[in-house]
N, C-alpha and C. Protein backbone atom coordinates (compact mmCIF):
# COMPACT_ATOMS: atom_id res chain seq x y z
N GLN A 1 91.80 37.50 8.95
CA GLN A 1 92.41 38.58 9.51
C GLN A 1 91.69 39.90 9.57
N VAL A 2 92.14 40.92 10.41
CA VAL A 2 91.46 42.03 10.89
C VAL A 2 91.69 42.93 9.43
N GLN A 3 90.88 43.92 9.04
CA GLN A 3 91.55 44.59 8.06
C GLN A 3 90.61 45.86 8.69
N LEU A 4 91.54 46.74 8.40
CA LEU A 4 91.25 48.37 8.87
C LEU A 4 91.42 49.19 7.41
N VAL A 5 90.29 49.74 6.45
CA VAL A 5 90.51 50.60 5.76
C VAL A 5 90.57 52.19 6.08
N GLU A 6 90.76 53.03 5.97
CA GLU A 6 90.69 54.45 6.17
C GLU A 6 90.15 55.22 4.99
N SER A 7 89.17 56.02 4.65
CA SER A 7 88.95 57.10 3.55
C SER A 7 88.75 58.03 3.77
N GLY A 8 88.38 59.08 3.25
CA GLY A 8 87.96 60.44 3.02
C GLY A 8 88.67 61.20 3.38
N GLY A 9 90.20 61.39 3.69
CA GLY A 9 91.11 62.30 4.12
C GLY A 9 91.33 62.83 2.40
N GLY A 10 91.83 64.07 2.93
CA GLY A 10 91.95 65.35 1.96
C GLY A 10 92.94 66.31 1.96
N LEU A 11 92.75 67.79 1.11
CA LEU A 11 93.05 68.64 1.90
C LEU A 11 92.00 70.01 1.54
N VAL A 12 91.58 70.63 3.03
CA VAL A 12 90.77 71.67 2.99
C VAL A 12 91.40 72.59 3.44
N GLN A 13 90.46 73.60 3.71
CA GLN A 13 90.99 75.07 3.96
C GLN A 13 90.82 75.55 5.64
N ALA A 14 91.49 75.95 6.41
CA ALA A 14 90.55 76.00 7.60
C ALA A 14 89.78 76.69 7.92
N GLY A 15 88.82 76.03 9.05
CA GLY A 15 87.71 76.20 8.85
C GLY A 15 86.53 75.28 8.43
N GLY A 16 87.31 74.32 7.47
CA GLY A 16 86.41 73.40 6.49
C GLY A 16 86.11 71.93 6.94
N SER A 17 85.87 70.83 6.87
CA SER A 17 85.18 70.28 7.56
C SER A 17 85.61 68.68 6.07
N LEU A 18 85.45 67.93 6.97
CA LEU A 18 85.77 66.40 6.26
C LEU A 18 85.52 65.05 7.38
N ARG A 19 84.82 64.30 6.82
CA ARG A 19 84.68 63.09 7.17
C ARG A 19 85.46 62.12 6.82
N LEU A 20 86.02 61.33 7.72
CA LEU A 20 86.61 59.90 7.83
C LEU A 20 85.61 58.50 7.96
N SER A 21 85.74 57.76 7.13
CA SER A 21 85.26 56.97 7.15
C SER A 21 86.50 55.18 7.37
N CYS A 22 85.94 54.29 8.34
CA CYS A 22 86.76 52.78 8.58
C CYS A 22 86.05 51.92 8.16
N ALA A 23 86.64 51.27 7.68
CA ALA A 23 85.57 49.91 6.93
C ALA A 23 86.48 48.82 7.73
N ALA A 24 85.74 48.03 8.78
CA ALA A 24 86.52 47.08 9.07
C ALA A 24 86.16 45.55 8.75
N SER A 25 86.99 44.67 8.51
CA SER A 25 86.55 43.44 8.02
C SER A 25 87.02 42.03 9.36
N GLY A 26 86.97 40.79 8.74
CA GLY A 26 87.55 40.20 9.99
C GLY A 26 87.61 39.85 11.47
N THR A 27 86.83 40.69 11.65
CA THR A 27 86.74 41.05 13.39
C THR A 27 85.19 41.27 13.62
N ILE A 28 84.56 40.55 14.92
CA ILE A 28 83.32 41.19 15.01
C ILE A 28 82.68 42.60 15.43
N PHE A 29 82.94 43.23 14.72
CA PHE A 29 82.84 44.80 14.68
C PHE A 29 81.98 45.40 16.15
N GLY A 30 81.09 44.53 16.35
CA GLY A 30 80.11 45.57 17.42
C GLY A 30 80.68 44.87 18.90
N ILE A 31 81.30 44.37 18.91
CA ILE A 31 81.87 43.77 20.34
C ILE A 31 83.22 44.55 20.90
N ASN A 32 84.06 45.43 19.94
CA ASN A 32 85.13 46.50 20.02
C ASN A 32 84.74 47.70 20.16
N ALA A 33 85.93 48.34 20.89
CA ALA A 33 85.93 49.82 21.15
C ALA A 33 86.69 50.15 19.82
N MET A 34 86.33 50.94 19.16
CA MET A 34 87.48 51.43 17.84
C MET A 34 87.88 52.94 18.45
N GLY A 35 88.82 53.39 17.77
CA GLY A 35 89.60 54.83 17.93
C GLY A 35 89.97 55.28 16.43
N TRP A 36 90.26 56.30 16.59
CA TRP A 36 91.05 57.11 15.40
C TRP A 36 92.20 57.96 16.34
N TYR A 37 93.24 57.58 15.76
CA TYR A 37 94.54 58.13 16.20
C TYR A 37 95.12 59.39 15.12
N ARG A 38 96.24 60.19 15.51
CA ARG A 38 96.96 60.99 13.96
C ARG A 38 98.32 60.57 14.75
N GLN A 39 98.90 60.86 13.68
CA GLN A 39 99.99 61.43 13.64
C GLN A 39 101.31 62.65 12.77
N SER A 40 101.62 63.45 13.42
CA SER A 40 102.13 64.20 12.52
C SER A 40 103.48 64.31 12.60
N PRO A 41 104.67 64.85 11.28
CA PRO A 41 105.58 64.68 11.51
C PRO A 41 106.80 65.16 12.81
N GLY A 42 107.49 63.87 13.00
CA GLY A 42 108.12 64.75 14.23
C GLY A 42 107.31 64.65 15.56
N LYS A 43 106.43 64.16 15.66
CA LYS A 43 105.02 63.76 16.78
C LYS A 43 104.86 62.49 17.07
N GLN A 44 104.12 62.26 18.28
CA GLN A 44 103.87 60.95 18.34
C GLN A 44 102.85 60.47 18.17
N ARG A 45 102.53 59.38 17.77
CA ARG A 45 100.82 59.13 17.35
C ARG A 45 100.27 59.22 18.75
N GLU A 46 98.88 60.22 18.63
CA GLU A 46 98.22 60.45 19.71
C GLU A 46 96.76 60.13 19.38
N LEU A 47 96.05 59.59 20.50
CA LEU A 47 94.13 59.33 20.94
C LEU A 47 93.59 60.97 20.47
N VAL A 48 92.53 60.64 18.99
CA VAL A 48 91.79 61.50 18.85
C VAL A 48 90.47 61.59 19.22
N ALA A 49 89.87 60.48 18.70
CA ALA A 49 88.72 59.89 19.71
C ALA A 49 88.61 58.38 19.49
N ARG A 50 87.93 57.69 20.57
CA ARG A 50 87.50 56.57 21.26
C ARG A 50 85.97 56.31 21.63
N ILE A 51 85.43 55.32 20.47
CA ILE A 51 84.14 55.12 21.03
C ILE A 51 83.91 53.54 21.58
N SER A 52 83.18 53.45 22.93
CA SER A 52 83.24 51.80 23.19
C SER A 52 81.88 51.36 22.07
N ARG A 53 81.71 49.71 22.34
CA ARG A 53 80.96 48.99 21.69
C ARG A 53 79.44 49.40 21.83
N ASP A 54 79.32 50.10 22.60
CA ASP A 54 77.83 50.53 23.33
C ASP A 54 77.67 51.91 22.63
N GLY A 55 78.91 52.79 22.29
CA GLY A 55 78.69 54.17 22.12
C GLY A 55 79.07 55.21 22.75
N ARG A 56 79.32 54.58 24.21
CA ARG A 56 80.19 56.18 24.59
C ARG A 56 81.52 56.63 24.05
N THR A 57 81.76 57.58 24.37
CA THR A 57 82.70 58.32 23.65
C THR A 57 83.93 59.55 23.83
N ASN A 58 85.11 59.34 23.91
CA ASN A 58 85.98 60.14 24.71
C ASN A 58 86.80 61.28 23.86
N TYR A 59 87.28 62.18 23.84
CA TYR A 59 87.92 62.86 22.70
C TYR A 59 89.52 63.77 22.77
N ALA A 60 90.03 63.98 22.54
CA ALA A 60 91.29 64.65 22.97
C ALA A 60 90.69 66.03 23.29
N ASP A 61 91.58 66.50 23.96
CA ASP A 61 91.03 68.04 24.71
C ASP A 61 90.80 68.66 23.51
N SER A 62 91.86 68.80 22.33
CA SER A 62 92.31 69.90 20.97
C SER A 62 91.13 69.62 19.96
N VAL A 63 90.43 68.44 20.08
CA VAL A 63 89.31 68.55 19.16
C VAL A 63 87.86 68.63 19.88
N GLN A 64 87.82 68.23 21.14
CA GLN A 64 86.88 68.53 21.91
C GLN A 64 85.78 69.42 21.57
N GLY A 65 84.32 69.50 20.75
CA GLY A 65 83.98 69.92 20.52
C GLY A 65 83.88 70.62 18.66
N ARG A 66 84.97 69.95 18.14
CA ARG A 66 85.24 70.05 16.86
C ARG A 66 85.01 68.90 15.94
N PHE A 67 85.24 67.84 16.56
CA PHE A 67 85.53 66.24 16.10
C PHE A 67 84.27 65.60 16.67
N THR A 68 83.62 64.73 15.87
CA THR A 68 82.71 63.63 16.95
C THR A 68 82.71 62.48 15.69
N ILE A 69 83.34 60.80 16.43
CA ILE A 69 83.50 59.88 16.34
C ILE A 69 81.80 59.27 16.66
N SER A 70 81.60 58.03 15.45
CA SER A 70 80.47 57.46 15.65
C SER A 70 81.01 56.21 14.58
N ARG A 71 79.80 55.12 15.29
CA ARG A 71 79.76 53.88 14.83
C ARG A 71 78.18 53.62 14.05
N ASP A 72 78.38 52.23 12.86
CA ASP A 72 77.35 51.91 12.42
C ASP A 72 77.77 50.16 12.40
N ASN A 73 77.38 49.66 13.10
CA ASN A 73 77.46 48.30 13.69
C ASN A 73 77.30 47.52 12.67
N THR A 74 75.63 47.94 11.89
CA THR A 74 75.30 47.63 10.93
C THR A 74 76.64 47.51 9.60
N LYS A 75 77.19 48.43 9.51
CA LYS A 75 77.66 48.58 8.32
C LYS A 75 79.59 48.23 8.85
N ASN A 76 79.71 47.32 10.17
CA ASN A 76 80.89 47.81 10.36
C ASN A 76 82.19 48.75 9.73
N THR A 77 81.35 49.87 10.43
CA THR A 77 81.89 51.06 9.69
C THR A 77 82.20 52.44 11.32
N VAL A 78 83.35 52.83 11.67
CA VAL A 78 83.17 54.37 12.31
C VAL A 78 83.89 55.26 11.61
N TYR A 79 82.96 56.02 11.82
CA TYR A 79 83.38 57.59 11.77
C TYR A 79 84.22 58.23 11.67
N LEU A 80 84.63 59.54 11.63
CA LEU A 80 84.76 60.37 12.17
C LEU A 80 84.46 62.29 12.41
N GLN A 81 83.48 62.61 12.28
CA GLN A 81 83.13 63.84 11.46
C GLN A 81 84.20 65.05 12.18
N MET A 82 84.69 65.88 11.19
CA MET A 82 85.74 66.90 11.79
C MET A 82 85.39 68.10 10.68
N ASN A 83 85.21 69.48 12.42
CA ASN A 83 84.44 70.38 11.58
C ASN A 83 85.49 71.71 12.25
N SER A 84 85.24 72.56 11.86
CA SER A 84 86.14 73.58 12.12
C SER A 84 87.65 73.44 12.35
N LEU A 85 88.26 72.79 11.21
CA LEU A 85 89.36 72.54 11.06
C LEU A 85 90.85 73.20 10.68
N LYS A 86 91.70 72.98 11.69
CA LYS A 86 93.00 73.99 12.08
C LYS A 86 94.03 73.30 11.00
N PRO A 87 94.86 74.30 10.86
CA PRO A 87 96.19 73.77 10.40
C PRO A 87 96.95 72.33 11.01
N GLU A 88 97.09 73.02 12.72
CA GLU A 88 97.15 72.20 13.45
C GLU A 88 97.03 70.99 13.20
N ASP A 89 95.38 70.49 12.91
CA ASP A 89 94.82 68.98 12.74
C ASP A 89 95.67 68.21 11.53
N THR A 90 96.59 68.74 11.24
CA THR A 90 97.19 68.41 10.06
C THR A 90 97.88 67.44 10.33
N ALA A 91 97.37 66.10 9.46
CA ALA A 91 98.49 64.60 10.48
C ALA A 91 98.33 63.35 9.38
N VAL A 92 98.12 62.38 9.20
CA VAL A 92 97.73 61.14 9.11
C VAL A 92 96.76 60.53 10.10
N TYR A 93 95.41 60.29 9.74
CA TYR A 93 94.72 59.88 10.99
C TYR A 93 94.51 58.01 10.56
N TYR A 94 94.55 57.51 11.67
CA TYR A 94 94.68 56.06 11.47
C TYR A 94 93.27 55.78 12.09
N CYS A 95 92.31 54.38 12.07
CA CYS A 95 91.94 53.86 12.51
C CYS A 95 92.34 52.58 13.34
N ALA A 96 91.72 52.59 14.50
CA ALA A 96 92.37 51.01 15.23
C ALA A 96 91.32 50.20 15.82
N ARG A 97 91.55 49.25 16.09
CA ARG A 97 90.47 48.52 17.04
C ARG A 97 91.17 48.52 18.38
N ILE A 98 90.27 48.63 19.40
CA ILE A 98 91.14 49.07 20.64
C ILE A 98 90.62 47.69 21.13
N HIS A 99 91.90 46.85 21.84
CA HIS A 99 91.43 45.44 22.88
C HIS A 99 91.15 46.39 24.35
N PRO A 100 90.21 45.43 24.73
CA PRO A 100 89.82 45.88 26.18
C PRO A 100 91.05 46.22 27.23
N ILE A 101 92.20 44.80 27.01
CA ILE A 101 93.51 44.64 27.79
C ILE A 101 94.62 45.22 27.20
N HIS A 102 94.87 45.19 25.58
CA HIS A 102 96.12 45.38 24.86
C HIS A 102 96.01 46.67 24.36
N GLY A 103 94.79 47.39 24.72
CA GLY A 103 94.57 48.39 24.09
C GLY A 103 94.55 48.49 21.87
N PRO A 104 95.07 49.09 21.62
CA PRO A 104 94.88 49.30 20.06
C PRO A 104 95.77 48.31 19.78
N ASP A 105 95.13 47.18 18.80
CA ASP A 105 96.01 45.72 18.22
C ASP A 105 95.76 45.48 17.12
N TYR A 106 95.24 46.75 15.94
CA TYR A 106 95.25 46.27 14.71
C TYR A 106 94.79 48.04 14.18
N TRP A 107 95.70 48.18 13.28
CA TRP A 107 95.34 49.71 12.71
C TRP A 107 95.42 49.26 11.10
N GLY A 108 94.51 50.45 10.57
CA GLY A 108 94.63 51.09 9.62
C GLY A 108 96.24 51.31 8.61
N ARG A 109 95.64 51.83 7.47
CA ARG A 109 97.27 52.25 6.56
C ARG A 109 97.51 53.66 7.58
N GLY A 110 95.94 54.72 6.95
CA GLY A 110 96.32 55.84 7.67
C GLY A 110 95.70 56.32 6.26
N THR A 111 95.15 57.75 6.44
CA THR A 111 94.22 58.64 5.37
C THR A 111 95.35 59.87 5.66
N GLN A 112 95.30 61.17 5.04
CA GLN A 112 96.27 62.20 4.84
C GLN A 112 95.18 63.02 5.20
N VAL A 113 95.33 64.13 6.10
CA VAL A 113 94.74 65.37 6.67
C VAL A 113 95.35 66.40 6.25
N THR A 114 95.31 67.15 5.26
CA THR A 114 96.04 68.02 5.21
C THR A 114 94.80 69.84 5.42
N VAL A 115 95.21 70.71 6.38
CA VAL A 115 94.59 71.60 6.47
C VAL A 115 95.25 72.88 6.15
N SER A 116 95.08 73.79 5.33
CA SER A 116 95.81 74.63 4.62
C SER A 116 95.12 76.15 5.21
N SER A 117 96.49 76.89 5.40
CA SER A 117 95.54 77.99 6.26
C SER A 117 95.54 79.18 5.31
């Protein structure tokens, strides 16, 4: 079965950086789009960044210019480089496989990112 395991979260001061990683197994990684989502208390889960199988990227307006999504198909891993972090970036960040028809269909368990002011 498909497994996604996130890592790299933590506590950082505003203006700092973190790099999240998501290791995938049980799927042919290179043929799927992948995405990073986040959810903070009392809010709906939202798409942060998406990368297609051929490397095209999309970002939420709130992170455009600060976050970069990338993938290494040889390592079955997708990354999220987060720079200039703000307190409002505090959330649990989830990695997801994105099915071309059904949307996100497999999720990791999430990694906490906390940005202090």
